[in-house]
Amino acid sequence: MLTPAQIRAARSLLGWNGVELAKAAGVSLQTIRRMESELGPGRSSAANVEGVRRALETAGVIFLEADDASEVGPGVRLKMVSER
């Protein structure tokens, strides 16, 4: 599951504002704001969450899952330029 912080960080890595992410994901700006707030993506439909994830991944973001064994939380990275 994506976290609000992952979405905000991914958008920031790409230099996108909320309007750009909303357009790329095919959702409203209000949906992006809600997903990035404390309410998080859990309050959005599965289709909207998938649309946001897909838009960010298509633009070069890699989502990293939390690893309890090494006490590392979820995060994001960008693909290498040659891979994007």
PDB file of N, CA and C in Angstrom:
ATOM      1  N   MET A   1       0.833  -1.181   0.000  1.00  0.00           N
ATOM      2  CA  MET A   1       0.000   0.000   0.000  1.00  0.00           C
ATOM      3  C   MET A   1       0.877   1.244   0.000  1.00  0.00           C
ATOM      4  N   LEU A   2       0.553   2.171  -0.837  1.00  0.00           N
ATOM      5  CA  LEU A   2       1.278   3.436  -0.875  1.00  0.00           C
ATOM      6  C   LEU A   2       0.958   4.252   0.371  1.00  0.00           C
ATOM      7  N   THR A   3       1.939   5.015   0.827  1.00  0.00           N
ATOM      8  CA  THR A   3       1.711   5.923   1.942  1.00  0.00           C
ATOM      9  C   THR A   3       1.610   7.352   1.409  1.00  0.00           C
ATOM     10  N   PRO A   4       0.993   8.245   2.182  1.00  0.00           N
ATOM     11  CA  PRO A   4       0.943   9.642   1.758  1.00  0.00           C
ATOM     12  C   PRO A   4       2.348  10.215   1.515  1.00  0.00           C
ATOM     13  N   ALA A   5       3.284   9.865   2.384  1.00  0.00           N
ATOM     14  CA  ALA A   5       4.653  10.378   2.241  1.00  0.00           C
ATOM     15  C   ALA A   5       5.307   9.877   0.956  1.00  0.00           C
ATOM     16  N   GLN A   6       5.066   8.635   0.586  1.00  0.00           N
ATOM     17  CA  GLN A   6       5.628   8.110  -0.660  1.00  0.00           C
ATOM     18  C   GLN A   6       5.092   8.871  -1.870  1.00  0.00           C
ATOM     19  N   ILE A   7       3.813   9.164  -1.863  1.00  0.00           N
ATOM     20  CA  ILE A   7       3.230   9.889  -2.996  1.00  0.00           C
ATOM     21  C   ILE A   7       3.814  11.290  -3.074  1.00  0.00           C
ATOM     22  N   ARG A   8       3.891  11.977  -1.929  1.00  0.00           N
ATOM     23  CA  ARG A   8       4.461  13.330  -1.923  1.00  0.00           C
ATOM     24  C   ARG A   8       5.917  13.309  -2.363  1.00  0.00           C
ATOM     25  N   ALA A   9       6.680  12.340  -1.861  1.00  0.00           N
ATOM     26  CA  ALA A   9       8.103  12.250  -2.206  1.00  0.00           C
ATOM     27  C   ALA A   9       8.290  11.927  -3.685  1.00  0.00           C
ATOM     28  N   ALA A  10       7.491  11.017  -4.207  1.00  0.00           N
ATOM     29  CA  ALA A  10       7.601  10.640  -5.617  1.00  0.00           C
ATOM     30  C   ALA A  10       7.291  11.837  -6.508  1.00  0.00           C
ATOM     31  N   ARG A  11       6.254  12.556  -6.161  1.00  0.00           N
ATOM     32  CA  ARG A  11       5.873  13.739  -6.940  1.00  0.00           C
ATOM     33  C   ARG A  11       6.999  14.775  -6.896  1.00  0.00           C
ATOM     34  N   SER A  12       7.587  14.935  -5.736  1.00  0.00           N
ATOM     35  CA  SER A  12       8.683  15.890  -5.585  1.00  0.00           C
ATOM     36  C   SER A  12       9.911  15.475  -6.400  1.00  0.00           C
ATOM     37  N   LEU A  13      10.244  14.188  -6.377  1.00  0.00           N
ATOM     38  CA  LEU A  13      11.384  13.705  -7.167  1.00  0.00           C
ATOM     39  C   LEU A  13      11.207  14.011  -8.647  1.00  0.00           C
ATOM     40  N   LEU A  14       9.977  13.961  -9.116  1.00  0.00           N
ATOM     41  CA  LEU A  14       9.691  14.223 -10.522  1.00  0.00           C
ATOM     42  C   LEU A  14       9.551  15.711 -10.826  1.00  0.00           C
ATOM     43  N   GLY A  15       9.458  16.526  -9.779  1.00  0.00           N
ATOM     44  CA  GLY A  15       9.257  17.954  -9.987  1.00  0.00           C
ATOM     45  C   GLY A  15       7.844  18.285 -10.418  1.00  0.00           C
ATOM     46  N   TRP A  16       6.911  17.413 -10.081  1.00  0.00           N
ATOM     47  CA  TRP A  16       5.513  17.587 -10.467  1.00  0.00           C
ATOM     48  C   TRP A  16       4.753  18.307  -9.363  1.00  0.00           C
ATOM     49  N   ASN A  17       3.765  19.098  -9.755  1.00  0.00           N
ATOM     50  CA  ASN A  17       2.836  19.624  -8.773  1.00  0.00           C
ATOM     51  C   ASN A  17       1.611  18.703  -8.745  1.00  0.00           C
ATOM     52  N   GLY A  18       0.676  19.016  -7.864  1.00  0.00           N
ATOM     53  CA  GLY A  18      -0.498  18.158  -7.736  1.00  0.00           C
ATOM     54  C   GLY A  18      -1.333  18.081  -9.001  1.00  0.00           C
ATOM     55  N   VAL A  19      -1.420  19.184  -9.712  1.00  0.00           N
ATOM     56  CA  VAL A  19      -2.203  19.208 -10.950  1.00  0.00           C
ATOM     57  C   VAL A  19      -1.594  18.267 -11.983  1.00  0.00           C
ATOM     58  N   GLU A  20      -0.266  18.276 -12.096  1.00  0.00           N
ATOM     59  CA  GLU A  20       0.407  17.402 -13.067  1.00  0.00           C
ATOM     60  C   GLU A  20       0.194  15.932 -12.729  1.00  0.00           C
ATOM     61  N   LEU A  21       0.284  15.589 -11.445  1.00  0.00           N
ATOM     62  CA  LEU A  21       0.052  14.196 -11.054  1.00  0.00           C
ATOM     63  C   LEU A  21      -1.395  13.807 -11.302  1.00  0.00           C
ATOM     64  N   ALA A  22      -2.324  14.682 -10.956  1.00  0.00           N
ATOM     65  CA  ALA A  22      -3.738  14.380 -11.172  1.00  0.00           C
ATOM     66  C   ALA A  22      -4.018  14.111 -12.645  1.00  0.00           C
ATOM     67  N   LYS A  23      -3.455  14.937 -13.509  1.00  0.00           N
ATOM     68  CA  LYS A  23      -3.665  14.756 -14.949  1.00  0.00           C
ATOM     69  C   LYS A  23      -3.063  13.437 -15.426  1.00  0.00           C
ATOM     70  N   ALA A  24      -1.831  13.149 -14.995  1.00  0.00           N
ATOM     71  CA  ALA A  24      -1.166  11.912 -15.425  1.00  0.00           C
ATOM     72  C   ALA A  24      -1.890  10.672 -14.918  1.00  0.00           C
ATOM     73  N   ALA A  25      -2.492  10.775 -13.740  1.00  0.00           N
ATOM     74  CA  ALA A  25      -3.168   9.627 -13.140  1.00  0.00           C
ATOM     75  C   ALA A  25      -4.634   9.526 -13.534  1.00  0.00           C
ATOM     76  N   GLY A  26      -5.175  10.574 -14.151  1.00  0.00           N
ATOM     77  CA  GLY A  26      -6.582  10.558 -14.529  1.00  0.00           C
ATOM     78  C   GLY A  26      -7.524  10.680 -13.350  1.00  0.00           C
ATOM     79  N   VAL A  27      -7.094  11.433 -12.331  1.00  0.00           N
ATOM     80  CA  VAL A  27      -7.932  11.654 -11.146  1.00  0.00           C
ATOM     81  C   VAL A  27      -8.016  13.158 -10.887  1.00  0.00           C
ATOM     82  N   SER A  28      -8.841  13.549  -9.945  1.00  0.00           N
ATOM     83  CA  SER A  28      -8.988  14.970  -9.625  1.00  0.00           C
ATOM     84  C   SER A  28      -7.863  15.437  -8.701  1.00  0.00           C
ATOM     85  N   LEU A  29      -7.634  16.732  -8.688  1.00  0.00           N
ATOM     86  CA  LEU A  29      -6.656  17.306  -7.765  1.00  0.00           C
ATOM     87  C   LEU A  29      -7.085  17.051  -6.329  1.00  0.00           C
ATOM     88  N   GLN A  30      -8.374  17.088  -6.072  1.00  0.00           N
ATOM     89  CA  GLN A  30      -8.886  16.802  -4.727  1.00  0.00           C
ATOM     90  C   GLN A  30      -8.506  15.380  -4.295  1.00  0.00           C
ATOM     91  N   THR A  31      -8.547  14.437  -5.216  1.00  0.00           N
ATOM     92  CA  THR A  31      -8.147  13.060  -4.905  1.00  0.00           C
ATOM     93  C   THR A  31      -6.666  13.010  -4.534  1.00  0.00           C
ATOM     94  N   ILE A  32      -5.831  13.707  -5.279  1.00  0.00           N
ATOM     95  CA  ILE A  32      -4.395  13.735  -4.967  1.00  0.00           C
ATOM     96  C   ILE A  32      -4.179  14.348  -3.593  1.00  0.00           C
ATOM     97  N   ARG A  33      -4.831  15.467  -3.327  1.00  0.00           N
ATOM     98  CA  ARG A  33      -4.675  16.121  -2.021  1.00  0.00           C
ATOM     99  C   ARG A  33      -5.104  15.202  -0.886  1.00  0.00           C
ATOM    100  N   ARG A  34      -6.198  14.485  -1.073  1.00  0.00           N
ATOM    101  CA  ARG A  34      -6.679  13.565  -0.047  1.00  0.00           C
ATOM    102  C   ARG A  34      -5.683  12.418   0.143  1.00  0.00           C
ATOM    103  N   MET A  35      -5.153  11.874  -0.957  1.00  0.00           N
ATOM    104  CA  MET A  35      -4.216  10.762  -0.862  1.00  0.00           C
ATOM    105  C   MET A  35      -2.908  11.178  -0.196  1.00  0.00           C
ATOM    106  N   GLU A  36      -2.529  12.447  -0.352  1.00  0.00           N
ATOM    107  CA  GLU A  36      -1.292  12.943   0.248  1.00  0.00           C
ATOM    108  C   GLU A  36      -1.500  13.443   1.677  1.00  0.00           C
ATOM    109  N   SER A  37      -2.736  13.500   2.139  1.00  0.00           N
ATOM    110  CA  SER A  37      -3.036  13.984   3.489  1.00  0.00           C
ATOM    111  C   SER A  37      -2.995  12.830   4.486  1.00  0.00           C
ATOM    112  N   GLU A  38      -3.336  13.138   5.725  1.00  0.00           N
ATOM    113  CA  GLU A  38      -3.390  12.105   6.768  1.00  0.00           C
ATOM    114  C   GLU A  38      -4.403  11.015   6.443  1.00  0.00           C
ATOM    115  N   LEU A  39      -5.421  11.348   5.642  1.00  0.00           N
ATOM    116  CA  LEU A  39      -6.413  10.337   5.251  1.00  0.00           C
ATOM    117  C   LEU A  39      -5.758   9.234   4.436  1.00  0.00           C
ATOM    118  N   GLY A  40      -4.800   9.611   3.609  1.00  0.00           N
ATOM    119  CA  GLY A  40      -4.025   8.655   2.836  1.00  0.00           C
ATOM    120  C   GLY A  40      -4.788   7.988   1.716  1.00  0.00           C
ATOM    121  N   PRO A  41      -4.084   7.165   0.957  1.00  0.00           N
ATOM    122  CA  PRO A  41      -4.701   6.484  -0.185  1.00  0.00           C
ATOM    123  C   PRO A  41      -5.727   5.431   0.207  1.00  0.00           C
ATOM    124  N   GLY A  42      -5.746   5.020   1.449  1.00  0.00           N
ATOM    125  CA  GLY A  42      -6.704   4.017   1.901  1.00  0.00           C
ATOM    126  C   GLY A  42      -8.145   4.467   1.789  1.00  0.00           C
ATOM    127  N   ARG A  43      -8.363   5.776   1.701  1.00  0.00           N
ATOM    128  CA  ARG A  43      -9.710   6.311   1.568  1.00  0.00           C
ATOM    129  C   ARG A  43     -10.129   6.478   0.119  1.00  0.00           C
ATOM    130  N   SER A  44      -9.232   6.171  -0.801  1.00  0.00           N
ATOM    131  CA  SER A  44      -9.526   6.280  -2.235  1.00  0.00           C
ATOM    132  C   SER A  44      -9.862   4.912  -2.802  1.00  0.00           C
ATOM    133  N   SER A  45     -10.465   4.914  -3.963  1.00  0.00           N
ATOM    134  CA  SER A  45     -10.780   3.637  -4.606  1.00  0.00           C
ATOM    135  C   SER A  45      -9.486   2.958  -5.057  1.00  0.00           C
ATOM    136  N   ALA A  46      -9.543   1.662  -5.185  1.00  0.00           N
ATOM    137  CA  ALA A  46      -8.380   0.900  -5.647  1.00  0.00           C
ATOM    138  C   ALA A  46      -7.953   1.365  -7.035  1.00  0.00           C
ATOM    139  N   ALA A  47      -8.915   1.708  -7.876  1.00  0.00           N
ATOM    140  CA  ALA A  47      -8.597   2.172  -9.234  1.00  0.00           C
ATOM    141  C   ALA A  47      -7.834   3.492  -9.194  1.00  0.00           C
ATOM    142  N   ASN A  48      -8.214   4.402  -8.296  1.00  0.00           N
ATOM    143  CA  ASN A  48      -7.508   5.678  -8.192  1.00  0.00           C
ATOM    144  C   ASN A  48      -6.089   5.486  -7.658  1.00  0.00           C
ATOM    145  N   VAL A  49      -5.937   4.624  -6.667  1.00  0.00           N
ATOM    146  CA  VAL A  49      -4.602   4.358  -6.110  1.00  0.00           C
ATOM    147  C   VAL A  49      -3.720   3.743  -7.194  1.00  0.00           C
ATOM    148  N   GLU A  50      -4.266   2.804  -7.937  1.00  0.00           N
ATOM    149  CA  GLU A  50      -3.507   2.169  -9.011  1.00  0.00           C
ATOM    150  C   GLU A  50      -3.157   3.177 -10.096  1.00  0.00           C
ATOM    151  N   GLY A  51      -4.058   4.086 -10.401  1.00  0.00           N
ATOM    152  CA  GLY A  51      -3.781   5.114 -11.401  1.00  0.00           C
ATOM    153  C   GLY A  51      -2.637   6.023 -10.985  1.00  0.00           C
ATOM    154  N   VAL A  52      -2.602   6.397  -9.721  1.00  0.00           N
ATOM    155  CA  VAL A  52      -1.516   7.238  -9.208  1.00  0.00           C
ATOM    156  C   VAL A  52      -0.205   6.465  -9.234  1.00  0.00           C
ATOM    157  N   ARG A  53      -0.241   5.229  -8.754  1.00  0.00           N
ATOM    158  CA  ARG A  53       0.972   4.410  -8.761  1.00  0.00           C
ATOM    159  C   ARG A  53       1.506   4.237 -10.186  1.00  0.00           C
ATOM    160  N   ARG A  54       0.624   3.910 -11.094  1.00  0.00           N
ATOM    161  CA  ARG A  54       1.015   3.667 -12.484  1.00  0.00           C
ATOM    162  C   ARG A  54       1.600   4.939 -13.122  1.00  0.00           C
ATOM    163  N   ALA A  55       0.974   6.084 -12.867  1.00  0.00           N
ATOM    164  CA  ALA A  55       1.471   7.347 -13.426  1.00  0.00           C
ATOM    165  C   ALA A  55       2.875   7.654 -12.910  1.00  0.00           C
ATOM    166  N   LEU A  56       3.094   7.461 -11.631  1.00  0.00           N
ATOM    167  CA  LEU A  56       4.403   7.746 -11.042  1.00  0.00           C
ATOM    168  C   LEU A  56       5.457   6.744 -11.516  1.00  0.00           C
ATOM    169  N   GLU A  57       5.085   5.475 -11.586  1.00  0.00           N
ATOM    170  CA  GLU A  57       6.038   4.472 -12.064  1.00  0.00           C
ATOM    171  C   GLU A  57       6.381   4.683 -13.537  1.00  0.00           C
ATOM    172  N   THR A  58       5.409   5.048 -14.341  1.00  0.00           N
ATOM    173  CA  THR A  58       5.656   5.315 -15.759  1.00  0.00           C
ATOM    174  C   THR A  58       6.633   6.473 -15.924  1.00  0.00           C
ATOM    175  N   ALA A  59       6.563   7.424 -15.005  1.00  0.00           N
ATOM    176  CA  ALA A  59       7.455   8.589 -15.055  1.00  0.00           C
ATOM    177  C   ALA A  59       8.842   8.288 -14.485  1.00  0.00           C
ATOM    178  N   GLY A  60       9.028   7.081 -13.920  1.00  0.00           N
ATOM    179  CA  GLY A  60      10.360   6.691 -13.469  1.00  0.00           C
ATOM    180  C   GLY A  60      10.536   6.451 -11.984  1.00  0.00           C
ATOM    181  N   VAL A  61       9.451   6.463 -11.229  1.00  0.00           N
ATOM    182  CA  VAL A  61       9.543   6.247  -9.787  1.00  0.00           C
ATOM    183  C   VAL A  61       9.507   4.749  -9.471  1.00  0.00           C
ATOM    184  N   ILE A  62      10.320   4.354  -8.513  1.00  0.00           N
ATOM    185  CA  ILE A  62      10.310   2.989  -7.988  1.00  0.00           C
ATOM    186  C   ILE A  62       9.851   3.084  -6.537  1.00  0.00           C
ATOM    187  N   PHE A  63       8.814   2.340  -6.176  1.00  0.00           N
ATOM    188  CA  PHE A  63       8.334   2.325  -4.798  1.00  0.00           C
ATOM    189  C   PHE A  63       9.044   1.223  -4.022  1.00  0.00           C
ATOM    190  N   LEU A  64       9.532   1.572  -2.851  1.00  0.00           N
ATOM    191  CA  LEU A  64      10.238   0.625  -1.993  1.00  0.00           C
ATOM    192  C   LEU A  64       9.355   0.284  -0.801  1.00  0.00           C
ATOM    193  N   GLU A  65       9.201  -0.993  -0.547  1.00  0.00           N
ATOM    194  CA  GLU A  65       8.384  -1.450   0.578  1.00  0.00           C
ATOM    195  C   GLU A  65       9.187  -1.378   1.869  1.00  0.00           C
ATOM    196  N   ALA A  66       8.490  -1.308   2.978  1.00  0.00           N
ATOM    197  CA  ALA A  66       9.138  -1.334   4.282  1.00  0.00           C
ATOM    198  C   ALA A  66       9.763  -2.702   4.509  1.00  0.00           C
ATOM    199  N   ASP A  67      10.848  -2.726   5.257  1.00  0.00           N
ATOM    200  CA  ASP A  67      11.526  -3.977   5.602  1.00  0.00           C
ATOM    201  C   ASP A  67      11.680  -4.008   7.116  1.00  0.00           C
ATOM    202  N   ASP A  68      10.775  -4.732   7.774  1.00  0.00           N
ATOM    203  CA  ASP A  68      10.791  -4.777   9.231  1.00  0.00           C
ATOM    204  C   ASP A  68      12.077  -5.381   9.777  1.00  0.00           C
ATOM    205  N   ALA A  69      12.650  -6.339   9.059  1.00  0.00           N
ATOM    206  CA  ALA A  69      13.863  -7.001   9.532  1.00  0.00           C
ATOM    207  C   ALA A  69      15.022  -6.017   9.676  1.00  0.00           C
ATOM    208  N   SER A  70      15.134  -5.087   8.747  1.00  0.00           N
ATOM    209  CA  SER A  70      16.234  -4.126   8.817  1.00  0.00           C
ATOM    210  C   SER A  70      15.774  -2.768   9.333  1.00  0.00           C
ATOM    211  N   GLU A  71      14.514  -2.693   9.772  1.00  0.00           N
ATOM    212  CA  GLU A  71      13.940  -1.473  10.341  1.00  0.00           C
ATOM    213  C   GLU A  71      14.006  -0.290   9.373  1.00  0.00           C
ATOM    214  N   VAL A  72      13.760  -0.571   8.089  1.00  0.00           N
ATOM    215  CA  VAL A  72      13.743   0.468   7.059  1.00  0.00           C
ATOM    216  C   VAL A  72      12.294   0.668   6.630  1.00  0.00           C
ATOM    217  N   GLY A  73      11.869   1.913   6.615  1.00  0.00           N
ATOM    218  CA  GLY A  73      10.495   2.221   6.240  1.00  0.00           C
ATOM    219  C   GLY A  73      10.317   2.278   4.730  1.00  0.00           C
ATOM    220  N   PRO A  74       9.077   2.476   4.282  1.00  0.00           N
ATOM    221  CA  PRO A  74       8.803   2.570   2.853  1.00  0.00           C
ATOM    222  C   PRO A  74       9.448   3.821   2.271  1.00  0.00           C
ATOM    223  N   GLY A  75       9.727   3.789   0.974  1.00  0.00           N
ATOM    224  CA  GLY A  75      10.365   4.930   0.342  1.00  0.00           C
ATOM    225  C   GLY A  75      10.158   4.931  -1.151  1.00  0.00           C
ATOM    226  N   VAL A  76      10.897   5.818  -1.836  1.00  0.00           N
ATOM    227  CA  VAL A  76      10.837   5.937  -3.286  1.00  0.00           C
ATOM    228  C   VAL A  76      12.225   6.225  -3.832  1.00  0.00           C
ATOM    229  N   ARG A  77      12.434   5.843  -5.063  1.00  0.00           N
ATOM    230  CA  ARG A  77      13.670   6.139  -5.786  1.00  0.00           C
ATOM    231  C   ARG A  77      13.288   6.431  -7.232  1.00  0.00           C
ATOM    232  N   LEU A  78      14.236   6.996  -7.960  1.00  0.00           N
ATOM    233  CA  LEU A  78      14.065   7.174  -9.388  1.00  0.00           C
ATOM    234  C   LEU A  78      14.890   6.133 -10.131  1.00  0.00           C
ATOM    235  N   LYS A  79      14.357   5.657 -11.241  1.00  0.00           N
ATOM    236  CA  LYS A  79      15.116   4.757 -12.092  1.00  0.00           C
ATOM    237  C   LYS A  79      16.318   5.506 -12.643  1.00  0.00           C
ATOM    238  N   MET A  80      17.334   4.781 -13.008  1.00  0.00           N
ATOM    239  CA  MET A  80      18.484   5.391 -13.648  1.00  0.00           C
ATOM    240  C   MET A  80      18.011   6.023 -14.959  1.00  0.00           C
ATOM    241  N   VAL A  81      18.654   7.096 -15.363  1.00  0.00           N
ATOM    242  CA  VAL A  81      18.252   7.830 -16.560  1.00  0.00           C
ATOM    243  C   VAL A  81      18.182   6.910 -17.766  1.00  0.00           C
ATOM    244  N   SER A  82      19.126   5.998 -17.897  1.00  0.00           N
ATOM    245  CA  SER A  82      19.135   5.103 -19.049  1.00  0.00           C
ATOM    246  C   SER A  82      17.950   4.129 -19.033  1.00  0.00           C
ATOM    247  N   GLU A  83      17.345   3.929 -17.851  1.00  0.00           N
ATOM    248  CA  GLU A  83      16.218   3.003 -17.724  1.00  0.00           C
ATOM    249  C   GLU A  83      14.878   3.701 -17.936  1.00  0.00           C
ATOM    250  N   ARG A  84      14.842   5.025 -17.890  1.00  0.00           N
ATOM    251  CA  ARG A  84      13.566   5.747 -17.980  1.00  0.00           C
ATOM    252  C   ARG A  84      13.184   6.052 -19.378  1.00  0.00           C
TER     253      ARG A  84
END
